Amino acid sequence: MTVEHVTPVGKSVFYDLFPQAEAANLLIRAQLMDELNDILQERFTTQTEAAAVLNVSQSRISDLYRGKIGLFTVDMLINLLARVGQVVEIHTRKAA
């Protein structure tokens, strides 16, 4: 008998796989990476152009595009977003 697990709608799979604090951090990083990725792909035709604007290496942009979440911290992602003119706002709420 196979037991199937389905992540509830509106809840991240990170919470199924990691302790709550780690899952929250991963979710925030994933959201920031996704936003930055979208912005860079809209504005730049090459990774080299994006790297020059962000003052990072082209391989760093490649890591971002390939979703290597473990190579990016929340601080770094916020700084990179600021370099492309974005403001990051954070909202908290009481845990359920």
C-alpha atoms as a PDB file:
ATOM      1  CA  MET A   1       0.000   0.000   0.000  1.00  0.00           C
ATOM      2  CA  THR A   2       1.377   3.377  -1.029  1.00  0.00           C
ATOM      3  CA  VAL A   3       0.830   6.342   1.232  1.00  0.00           C
ATOM      4  CA  GLU A   4       0.460   9.566  -0.712  1.00  0.00           C
ATOM      5  CA  HIS A   5       1.111  12.961   0.750  1.00  0.00           C
ATOM      6  CA  VAL A   6      -0.210  16.134  -0.782  1.00  0.00           C
ATOM      7  CA  THR A   7       0.972  19.521   0.396  1.00  0.00           C
ATOM      8  CA  PRO A   8      -2.094  21.608   1.297  1.00  0.00           C
ATOM      9  CA  VAL A   9      -3.004  24.443  -1.037  1.00  0.00           C
ATOM     10  CA  GLY A  10      -1.294  27.654  -0.027  1.00  0.00           C
ATOM     11  CA  LYS A  11       1.428  25.902   1.967  1.00  0.00           C
ATOM     12  CA  SER A  12       4.996  25.471   0.780  1.00  0.00           C
ATOM     13  CA  VAL A  13       6.524  22.052   0.311  1.00  0.00           C
ATOM     14  CA  PHE A  14       9.483  23.384   2.316  1.00  0.00           C
ATOM     15  CA  TYR A  15       7.330  22.965   5.435  1.00  0.00           C
ATOM     16  CA  ASP A  16       6.887  19.283   4.603  1.00  0.00           C
ATOM     17  CA  LEU A  17      10.603  18.735   4.244  1.00  0.00           C
ATOM     18  CA  PHE A  18      12.305  20.941   6.831  1.00  0.00           C
ATOM     19  CA  PRO A  19      11.833  22.239  10.386  1.00  0.00           C
ATOM     20  CA  GLN A  20       9.665  25.366  10.512  1.00  0.00           C
ATOM     21  CA  ALA A  21      12.469  27.937  10.913  1.00  0.00           C
ATOM     22  CA  GLU A  22      14.529  26.456   8.081  1.00  0.00           C
ATOM     23  CA  ALA A  23      11.453  26.133   5.876  1.00  0.00           C
ATOM     24  CA  ALA A  24      10.572  29.793   6.423  1.00  0.00           C
ATOM     25  CA  ASN A  25      14.101  30.861   5.466  1.00  0.00           C
ATOM     26  CA  LEU A  26      14.073  28.683   2.337  1.00  0.00           C
ATOM     27  CA  LEU A  27      10.681  30.025   1.307  1.00  0.00           C
ATOM     28  CA  ILE A  28      11.832  33.635   1.667  1.00  0.00           C
ATOM     29  CA  ARG A  29      15.001  32.916  -0.311  1.00  0.00           C
ATOM     30  CA  ALA A  30      13.005  31.157  -3.035  1.00  0.00           C
ATOM     31  CA  GLN A  31      10.617  34.108  -3.340  1.00  0.00           C
ATOM     32  CA  LEU A  32      13.466  36.630  -3.491  1.00  0.00           C
ATOM     33  CA  MET A  33      15.361  34.522  -6.033  1.00  0.00           C
ATOM     34  CA  ASP A  34      12.271  34.188  -8.196  1.00  0.00           C
ATOM     35  CA  GLU A  35      11.655  37.932  -8.165  1.00  0.00           C
ATOM     36  CA  LEU A  36      15.288  38.748  -8.943  1.00  0.00           C
ATOM     37  CA  ASN A  37      15.401  36.126 -11.681  1.00  0.00           C
ATOM     38  CA  ASP A  38      12.295  37.598 -13.352  1.00  0.00           C
ATOM     39  CA  ILE A  39      13.680  41.131 -13.219  1.00  0.00           C
ATOM     40  CA  LEU A  40      17.064  40.157 -14.634  1.00  0.00           C
ATOM     41  CA  GLN A  41      15.606  38.128 -17.468  1.00  0.00           C
ATOM     42  CA  GLU A  42      13.303  41.027 -18.410  1.00  0.00           C
ATOM     43  CA  ARG A  43      16.049  43.649 -18.373  1.00  0.00           C
ATOM     44  CA  PHE A  44      19.132  41.861 -19.687  1.00  0.00           C
ATOM     45  CA  THR A  45      19.753  39.667 -22.692  1.00  0.00           C
ATOM     46  CA  THR A  46      22.879  38.011 -21.274  1.00  0.00           C
ATOM     47  CA  GLN A  47      24.101  36.850 -17.910  1.00  0.00           C
ATOM     48  CA  THR A  48      27.238  38.919 -18.438  1.00  0.00           C
ATOM     49  CA  GLU A  49      25.182  42.128 -18.689  1.00  0.00           C
ATOM     50  CA  ALA A  50      23.263  41.256 -15.519  1.00  0.00           C
ATOM     51  CA  ALA A  51      26.487  40.400 -13.706  1.00  0.00           C
ATOM     52  CA  ALA A  52      28.038  43.744 -14.618  1.00  0.00           C
ATOM     53  CA  VAL A  53      25.066  45.699 -13.236  1.00  0.00           C
ATOM     54  CA  LEU A  54      24.957  43.626 -10.050  1.00  0.00           C
ATOM     55  CA  ASN A  55      28.747  43.684  -9.630  1.00  0.00           C
ATOM     56  CA  VAL A  56      28.968  39.888  -9.393  1.00  0.00           C
ATOM     57  CA  SER A  57      30.451  37.209 -11.626  1.00  0.00           C
ATOM     58  CA  GLN A  58      28.565  35.722 -14.564  1.00  0.00           C
ATOM     59  CA  SER A  59      28.749  32.344 -12.810  1.00  0.00           C
ATOM     60  CA  ARG A  60      26.880  33.870  -9.871  1.00  0.00           C
ATOM     61  CA  ILE A  61      24.050  34.859 -12.218  1.00  0.00           C
ATOM     62  CA  SER A  62      24.096  31.337 -13.623  1.00  0.00           C
ATOM     63  CA  ASP A  63      23.729  29.966 -10.079  1.00  0.00           C
ATOM     64  CA  LEU A  64      20.731  32.248  -9.585  1.00  0.00           C
ATOM     65  CA  TYR A  65      19.081  31.235 -12.870  1.00  0.00           C
ATOM     66  CA  ARG A  66      19.634  27.559 -12.067  1.00  0.00           C
ATOM     67  CA  GLY A  67      17.966  27.944  -8.650  1.00  0.00           C
ATOM     68  CA  LYS A  68      20.951  27.047  -6.477  1.00  0.00           C
ATOM     69  CA  ILE A  69      19.220  28.282  -3.351  1.00  0.00           C
ATOM     70  CA  GLY A  70      21.935  27.058  -0.994  1.00  0.00           C
ATOM     71  CA  LEU A  71      24.407  29.523  -2.490  1.00  0.00           C
ATOM     72  CA  PHE A  72      22.359  32.613  -1.620  1.00  0.00           C
ATOM     73  CA  THR A  73      21.476  34.215   1.695  1.00  0.00           C
ATOM     74  CA  VAL A  74      18.510  36.455   2.374  1.00  0.00           C
ATOM     75  CA  ASP A  75      20.906  39.391   2.901  1.00  0.00           C
ATOM     76  CA  MET A  76      22.632  38.840  -0.412  1.00  0.00           C
ATOM     77  CA  LEU A  77      19.352  38.588  -2.314  1.00  0.00           C
ATOM     78  CA  ILE A  78      18.026  41.780  -0.727  1.00  0.00           C
ATOM     79  CA  ASN A  79      21.259  43.579  -1.678  1.00  0.00           C
ATOM     80  CA  LEU A  80      21.062  42.298  -5.265  1.00  0.00           C
ATOM     81  CA  LEU A  81      17.444  43.405  -5.544  1.00  0.00           C
ATOM     82  CA  ALA A  82      18.424  46.852  -4.263  1.00  0.00           C
ATOM     83  CA  ARG A  83      21.069  47.084  -6.991  1.00  0.00           C
ATOM     84  CA  VAL A  84      18.338  46.752  -9.617  1.00  0.00           C
ATOM     85  CA  GLY A  85      16.154  49.383  -7.929  1.00  0.00           C
ATOM     86  CA  GLN A  86      13.841  47.167  -5.922  1.00  0.00           C
ATOM     87  CA  VAL A  87      12.732  47.666  -2.322  1.00  0.00           C
ATOM     88  CA  VAL A  88      12.036  44.595  -0.220  1.00  0.00           C
ATOM     89  CA  GLU A  89       9.257  44.862   2.354  1.00  0.00           C
ATOM     90  CA  ILE A  90       8.784  42.260   5.060  1.00  0.00           C
ATOM     91  CA  HIS A  91       5.559  41.505   6.877  1.00  0.00           C
ATOM     92  CA  THR A  92       5.153  39.145   9.807  1.00  0.00           C
ATOM     93  CA  ARG A  93       2.158  37.510  11.418  1.00  0.00           C
ATOM     94  CA  LYS A  94       1.496  35.264  14.354  1.00  0.00           C
ATOM     95  CA  ALA A  95       2.082  31.581  13.587  1.00  0.00           C
ATOM     96  CA  ALA A  96      -0.988  29.407  13.304  1.00  0.00           C
END
